[in-house]
Amino acid sequence: MTTIAGHDAYIAAAPEAFRPLLTRLRAQLAAALPDAEAVIRYDMPGFAIGKAIVAGYAAFSKQCGLYVDPAAIAAHADEIAAAGLKATKTGVTFSDRKPIPDELVRRLALASRESLGL
């Protein structure tokens, strides 16, 4: 298994159609969490405060995912559904055909941080 060196390397290795989405998502998370450290954990890029991962993201063959604390997903379930996106307990999936709205990214990141007590 190849170790990913950082966010840039992860995005560069992602499917080409998703690279602009991931670049934008990374910038949105960095802006929403300015004091968080960009990390790679579990072979995924994310933003951590201390040892806690506040938000992470990943690319797959047909979609991307934003991963946050379960309480953040629950608190914004209506917004996620209104955007036509699917959510799991800890993540929201999106694609280039149905991207995640900028404001939703910010709200999820901030809600995740709050629910983690950071």
N, C-alpha and C. Protein backbone atom coordinates (compact mmCIF):
# COMPACT_ATOMS: atom_id res chain seq x y z
N MET A 1 0.84 -1.18 0.00
CA MET A 1 0.00 0.00 0.00
C MET A 1 0.89 1.24 0.00
N THR A 2 0.52 2.20 -0.81
CA THR A 2 1.27 3.43 -0.92
C THR A 2 0.84 4.40 0.17
N THR A 3 1.81 5.04 0.79
CA THR A 3 1.51 6.05 1.79
C THR A 3 1.36 7.39 1.09
N ILE A 4 0.29 8.10 1.39
CA ILE A 4 0.04 9.41 0.80
C ILE A 4 0.82 10.45 1.60
N ALA A 5 1.57 11.28 0.90
CA ALA A 5 2.45 12.25 1.55
C ALA A 5 1.72 13.47 2.09
N GLY A 6 0.61 13.83 1.52
CA GLY A 6 -0.10 15.02 1.97
C GLY A 6 -1.34 15.25 1.14
N HIS A 7 -2.02 16.35 1.43
CA HIS A 7 -3.26 16.66 0.73
C HIS A 7 -3.04 16.82 -0.77
N ASP A 8 -1.97 17.51 -1.17
CA ASP A 8 -1.70 17.71 -2.59
C ASP A 8 -1.52 16.38 -3.31
N ALA A 9 -0.77 15.48 -2.72
CA ALA A 9 -0.54 14.17 -3.33
C ALA A 9 -1.83 13.37 -3.40
N TYR A 10 -2.65 13.45 -2.37
CA TYR A 10 -3.93 12.73 -2.37
C TYR A 10 -4.81 13.23 -3.51
N ILE A 11 -4.93 14.54 -3.63
CA ILE A 11 -5.78 15.12 -4.67
C ILE A 11 -5.23 14.78 -6.05
N ALA A 12 -3.93 14.83 -6.22
CA ALA A 12 -3.32 14.50 -7.51
C ALA A 12 -3.58 13.05 -7.91
N ALA A 13 -3.71 12.16 -6.93
CA ALA A 13 -3.94 10.74 -7.20
C ALA A 13 -5.42 10.40 -7.38
N ALA A 14 -6.31 11.34 -7.07
CA ALA A 14 -7.75 11.12 -7.18
C ALA A 14 -8.18 11.11 -8.64
N PRO A 15 -9.36 10.53 -8.94
CA PRO A 15 -9.86 10.60 -10.31
C PRO A 15 -9.90 12.06 -10.80
N GLU A 16 -9.51 12.26 -12.04
CA GLU A 16 -9.36 13.61 -12.58
C GLU A 16 -10.61 14.46 -12.42
N ALA A 17 -11.78 13.89 -12.62
CA ALA A 17 -13.03 14.66 -12.52
C ALA A 17 -13.27 15.22 -11.13
N PHE A 18 -12.69 14.58 -10.11
CA PHE A 18 -12.93 15.00 -8.73
C PHE A 18 -11.89 15.97 -8.19
N ARG A 19 -10.79 16.12 -8.89
CA ARG A 19 -9.71 16.98 -8.38
C ARG A 19 -10.16 18.41 -8.09
N PRO A 20 -10.91 19.06 -8.99
CA PRO A 20 -11.37 20.42 -8.67
C PRO A 20 -12.29 20.46 -7.45
N LEU A 21 -13.15 19.45 -7.31
CA LEU A 21 -14.04 19.38 -6.14
C LEU A 21 -13.24 19.25 -4.85
N LEU A 22 -12.24 18.37 -4.87
CA LEU A 22 -11.43 18.14 -3.68
C LEU A 22 -10.58 19.36 -3.34
N THR A 23 -10.07 20.02 -4.35
CA THR A 23 -9.28 21.24 -4.11
C THR A 23 -10.15 22.30 -3.46
N ARG A 24 -11.36 22.47 -3.97
CA ARG A 24 -12.30 23.45 -3.40
C ARG A 24 -12.69 23.06 -1.97
N LEU A 25 -12.99 21.78 -1.78
CA LEU A 25 -13.38 21.29 -0.45
C LEU A 25 -12.25 21.53 0.55
N ARG A 26 -11.04 21.22 0.15
CA ARG A 26 -9.88 21.45 1.02
C ARG A 26 -9.79 22.92 1.43
N ALA A 27 -9.96 23.82 0.48
CA ALA A 27 -9.88 25.25 0.77
C ALA A 27 -11.01 25.69 1.69
N GLN A 28 -12.20 25.15 1.48
CA GLN A 28 -13.34 25.50 2.33
C GLN A 28 -13.12 25.03 3.76
N LEU A 29 -12.62 23.82 3.91
CA LEU A 29 -12.36 23.30 5.26
C LEU A 29 -11.25 24.09 5.95
N ALA A 30 -10.21 24.43 5.20
CA ALA A 30 -9.11 25.22 5.78
C ALA A 30 -9.61 26.59 6.23
N ALA A 31 -10.52 27.19 5.47
CA ALA A 31 -11.08 28.50 5.85
C ALA A 31 -12.00 28.39 7.06
N ALA A 32 -12.78 27.33 7.13
CA ALA A 32 -13.71 27.14 8.25
C ALA A 32 -12.99 26.75 9.53
N LEU A 33 -11.84 26.11 9.38
CA LEU A 33 -11.07 25.60 10.53
C LEU A 33 -9.64 26.15 10.47
N PRO A 34 -9.47 27.47 10.59
CA PRO A 34 -8.15 28.07 10.35
C PRO A 34 -7.05 27.61 11.32
N ASP A 35 -7.43 27.16 12.50
CA ASP A 35 -6.41 26.72 13.46
C ASP A 35 -6.19 25.21 13.43
N ALA A 36 -6.84 24.52 12.49
CA ALA A 36 -6.67 23.08 12.38
C ALA A 36 -5.43 22.76 11.54
N GLU A 37 -4.85 21.62 11.82
CA GLU A 37 -3.67 21.15 11.09
C GLU A 37 -4.11 20.21 9.98
N ALA A 38 -3.57 20.39 8.79
CA ALA A 38 -3.83 19.48 7.68
C ALA A 38 -3.06 18.19 7.94
N VAL A 39 -3.77 17.06 7.97
CA VAL A 39 -3.16 15.78 8.30
C VAL A 39 -3.63 14.71 7.30
N ILE A 40 -2.91 13.62 7.30
CA ILE A 40 -3.35 12.40 6.61
C ILE A 40 -3.48 11.34 7.70
N ARG A 41 -4.67 10.82 7.86
CA ARG A 41 -4.90 9.75 8.83
C ARG A 41 -5.78 8.69 8.16
N TYR A 42 -5.48 7.45 8.41
CA TYR A 42 -6.23 6.35 7.81
C TYR A 42 -6.24 6.48 6.28
N ASP A 43 -5.14 6.95 5.71
CA ASP A 43 -4.97 7.15 4.27
C ASP A 43 -5.96 8.15 3.68
N MET A 44 -6.47 9.05 4.50
CA MET A 44 -7.39 10.09 4.05
C MET A 44 -6.91 11.46 4.54
N PRO A 45 -7.08 12.50 3.72
CA PRO A 45 -6.75 13.83 4.18
C PRO A 45 -7.82 14.36 5.14
N GLY A 46 -7.38 15.14 6.09
CA GLY A 46 -8.32 15.71 7.04
C GLY A 46 -7.73 16.90 7.75
N PHE A 47 -8.51 17.44 8.66
CA PHE A 47 -8.10 18.59 9.46
C PHE A 47 -8.29 18.22 10.92
N ALA A 48 -7.21 18.35 11.68
CA ALA A 48 -7.22 17.94 13.08
C ALA A 48 -6.91 19.12 13.99
N ILE A 49 -7.51 19.06 15.16
CA ILE A 49 -7.18 19.98 16.24
C ILE A 49 -6.77 19.07 17.39
N GLY A 50 -5.51 19.18 17.77
CA GLY A 50 -4.97 18.23 18.73
C GLY A 50 -4.98 16.85 18.08
N LYS A 51 -5.49 15.88 18.78
CA LYS A 51 -5.54 14.52 18.24
C LYS A 51 -6.87 14.21 17.55
N ALA A 52 -7.83 15.13 17.64
CA ALA A 52 -9.16 14.90 17.08
C ALA A 52 -9.25 15.33 15.62
N ILE A 53 -9.76 14.45 14.78
CA ILE A 53 -10.03 14.79 13.39
C ILE A 53 -11.39 15.48 13.37
N VAL A 54 -11.41 16.73 12.96
CA VAL A 54 -12.66 17.51 12.91
C VAL A 54 -13.38 17.23 11.60
N ALA A 55 -12.65 17.14 10.50
CA ALA A 55 -13.24 16.87 9.20
C ALA A 55 -12.21 16.16 8.32
N GLY A 56 -12.70 15.26 7.50
CA GLY A 56 -11.85 14.57 6.55
C GLY A 56 -12.59 14.43 5.23
N TYR A 57 -11.85 14.07 4.20
CA TYR A 57 -12.50 13.88 2.91
C TYR A 57 -11.81 12.76 2.15
N ALA A 58 -12.53 12.23 1.17
CA ALA A 58 -11.98 11.12 0.39
C ALA A 58 -12.61 11.12 -0.99
N ALA A 59 -11.89 10.52 -1.92
CA ALA A 59 -12.38 10.33 -3.28
C ALA A 59 -12.45 8.83 -3.54
N PHE A 60 -13.49 8.43 -4.22
CA PHE A 60 -13.67 7.04 -4.62
C PHE A 60 -13.85 7.01 -6.13
N SER A 61 -14.18 5.89 -6.69
CA SER A 61 -14.27 5.82 -8.15
C SER A 61 -15.46 6.61 -8.71
N LYS A 62 -16.57 6.69 -7.97
CA LYS A 62 -17.76 7.35 -8.51
C LYS A 62 -18.25 8.53 -7.68
N GLN A 63 -17.64 8.77 -6.55
CA GLN A 63 -18.11 9.86 -5.68
C GLN A 63 -17.01 10.27 -4.71
N CYS A 64 -17.28 11.38 -4.03
CA CYS A 64 -16.40 11.87 -2.97
C CYS A 64 -17.19 11.87 -1.68
N GLY A 65 -16.48 11.99 -0.57
CA GLY A 65 -17.15 12.05 0.72
C GLY A 65 -16.50 13.08 1.63
N LEU A 66 -17.34 13.73 2.42
CA LEU A 66 -16.90 14.63 3.48
C LEU A 66 -17.29 13.94 4.77
N TYR A 67 -16.33 13.79 5.69
CA TYR A 67 -16.56 13.04 6.92
C TYR A 67 -16.37 13.95 8.13
N VAL A 68 -17.38 13.97 8.99
CA VAL A 68 -17.39 14.83 10.17
C VAL A 68 -17.97 14.04 11.34
N ASP A 69 -18.05 14.68 12.49
CA ASP A 69 -18.63 14.05 13.67
C ASP A 69 -20.10 13.70 13.42
N PRO A 70 -20.59 12.55 13.90
CA PRO A 70 -21.99 12.16 13.68
C PRO A 70 -23.00 13.22 14.13
N ALA A 71 -22.71 13.95 15.18
CA ALA A 71 -23.64 14.98 15.65
C ALA A 71 -23.81 16.08 14.61
N ALA A 72 -22.76 16.38 13.85
CA ALA A 72 -22.85 17.40 12.80
C ALA A 72 -23.76 16.93 11.68
N ILE A 73 -23.66 15.66 11.31
CA ILE A 73 -24.54 15.10 10.27
C ILE A 73 -25.99 15.17 10.75
N ALA A 74 -26.22 14.75 11.97
CA ALA A 74 -27.59 14.75 12.51
C ALA A 74 -28.16 16.17 12.57
N ALA A 75 -27.35 17.13 12.96
CA ALA A 75 -27.82 18.51 13.11
C ALA A 75 -28.17 19.14 11.76
N HIS A 76 -27.57 18.65 10.69
CA HIS A 76 -27.79 19.26 9.37
C HIS A 76 -28.43 18.28 8.39
N ALA A 77 -29.12 17.27 8.90
CA ALA A 77 -29.73 16.25 8.04
C ALA A 77 -30.71 16.86 7.04
N ASP A 78 -31.50 17.83 7.47
CA ASP A 78 -32.46 18.45 6.56
C ASP A 78 -31.77 19.20 5.43
N GLU A 79 -30.70 19.91 5.75
CA GLU A 79 -29.95 20.65 4.72
C GLU A 79 -29.30 19.68 3.72
N ILE A 80 -28.78 18.59 4.24
CA ILE A 80 -28.14 17.59 3.38
C ILE A 80 -29.17 17.01 2.42
N ALA A 81 -30.33 16.65 2.94
CA ALA A 81 -31.40 16.11 2.11
C ALA A 81 -31.90 17.14 1.10
N ALA A 82 -32.05 18.40 1.54
CA ALA A 82 -32.52 19.47 0.64
C ALA A 82 -31.55 19.70 -0.51
N ALA A 83 -30.27 19.44 -0.28
CA ALA A 83 -29.27 19.59 -1.34
C ALA A 83 -29.25 18.37 -2.27
N GLY A 84 -30.07 17.37 -1.96
CA GLY A 84 -30.13 16.16 -2.78
C GLY A 84 -28.96 15.23 -2.59
N LEU A 85 -28.30 15.33 -1.43
CA LEU A 85 -27.13 14.51 -1.14
C LEU A 85 -27.49 13.38 -0.19
N LYS A 86 -26.67 12.36 -0.18
CA LYS A 86 -26.87 11.22 0.71
C LYS A 86 -25.90 11.31 1.87
N ALA A 87 -26.39 10.90 3.03
CA ALA A 87 -25.55 10.94 4.23
C ALA A 87 -25.54 9.57 4.88
N THR A 88 -24.41 9.28 5.51
CA THR A 88 -24.30 8.14 6.40
C THR A 88 -24.19 8.72 7.81
N LYS A 89 -23.89 7.90 8.77
CA LYS A 89 -23.76 8.39 10.14
C LYS A 89 -22.66 9.45 10.27
N THR A 90 -21.59 9.31 9.49
CA THR A 90 -20.45 10.21 9.64
C THR A 90 -20.06 10.96 8.37
N GLY A 91 -20.80 10.80 7.29
CA GLY A 91 -20.36 11.44 6.06
C GLY A 91 -21.47 11.83 5.11
N VAL A 92 -21.08 12.67 4.16
CA VAL A 92 -21.97 13.11 3.09
C VAL A 92 -21.25 12.80 1.78
N THR A 93 -21.94 12.13 0.86
CA THR A 93 -21.33 11.83 -0.43
C THR A 93 -21.83 12.82 -1.48
N PHE A 94 -20.93 13.11 -2.43
CA PHE A 94 -21.25 14.06 -3.48
C PHE A 94 -20.40 13.73 -4.71
N SER A 95 -20.73 14.34 -5.83
CA SER A 95 -19.99 14.11 -7.07
C SER A 95 -19.89 15.41 -7.84
N ASP A 96 -19.22 15.33 -8.98
CA ASP A 96 -19.11 16.53 -9.81
C ASP A 96 -20.46 16.92 -10.40
N ARG A 97 -21.38 15.97 -10.55
CA ARG A 97 -22.72 16.28 -11.03
C ARG A 97 -23.61 16.86 -9.95
N LYS A 98 -23.32 16.53 -8.71
CA LYS A 98 -24.09 17.04 -7.58
C LYS A 98 -23.12 17.39 -6.46
N PRO A 99 -22.44 18.55 -6.58
CA PRO A 99 -21.44 18.94 -5.56
C PRO A 99 -22.10 19.37 -4.25
N ILE A 100 -21.32 19.34 -3.22
CA ILE A 100 -21.79 19.77 -1.90
C ILE A 100 -21.72 21.30 -1.84
N PRO A 101 -22.80 21.96 -1.42
CA PRO A 101 -22.78 23.43 -1.36
C PRO A 101 -21.73 23.97 -0.37
N ASP A 102 -21.11 25.08 -0.75
CA ASP A 102 -20.06 25.69 0.07
C ASP A 102 -20.52 25.96 1.50
N GLU A 103 -21.70 26.54 1.64
CA GLU A 103 -22.19 26.89 2.97
C GLU A 103 -22.43 25.65 3.82
N LEU A 104 -22.86 24.56 3.20
CA LEU A 104 -23.07 23.32 3.94
C LEU A 104 -21.74 22.76 4.44
N VAL A 105 -20.69 22.86 3.64
CA VAL A 105 -19.36 22.42 4.07
C VAL A 105 -18.96 23.19 5.33
N ARG A 106 -19.11 24.51 5.29
CA ARG A 106 -18.73 25.36 6.43
C ARG A 106 -19.54 24.98 7.67
N ARG A 107 -20.83 24.84 7.50
CA ARG A 107 -21.70 24.50 8.65
C ARG A 107 -21.35 23.14 9.24
N LEU A 108 -21.10 22.17 8.38
CA LEU A 108 -20.74 20.84 8.88
C LEU A 108 -19.40 20.86 9.62
N ALA A 109 -18.43 21.57 9.09
CA ALA A 109 -17.12 21.65 9.74
C ALA A 109 -17.23 22.32 11.11
N LEU A 110 -17.96 23.42 11.17
CA LEU A 110 -18.12 24.12 12.45
C LEU A 110 -18.93 23.30 13.44
N ALA A 111 -19.97 22.62 12.97
CA ALA A 111 -20.77 21.78 13.87
C ALA A 111 -19.95 20.59 14.38
N SER A 112 -19.10 20.04 13.52
CA SER A 112 -18.24 18.94 13.95
C SER A 112 -17.29 19.40 15.04
N ARG A 113 -16.69 20.56 14.82
CA ARG A 113 -15.77 21.12 15.82
C ARG A 113 -16.49 21.33 17.15
N GLU A 114 -17.67 21.90 17.09
CA GLU A 114 -18.44 22.18 18.30
C GLU A 114 -18.82 20.89 19.02
N SER A 115 -19.28 19.89 18.26
CA SER A 115 -19.69 18.64 18.90
C SER A 115 -18.51 17.89 19.52
N LEU A 116 -17.31 18.15 19.00
CA LEU A 116 -16.11 17.53 19.59
C LEU A 116 -15.58 18.36 20.77
N GLY A 117 -16.20 19.49 21.03
CA GLY A 117 -15.79 20.33 22.16
C GLY A 117 -14.48 21.05 21.94
N LEU A 118 -14.20 21.42 20.70
CA LEU A 118 -12.93 22.06 20.38
C LEU A 118 -13.10 23.53 20.08
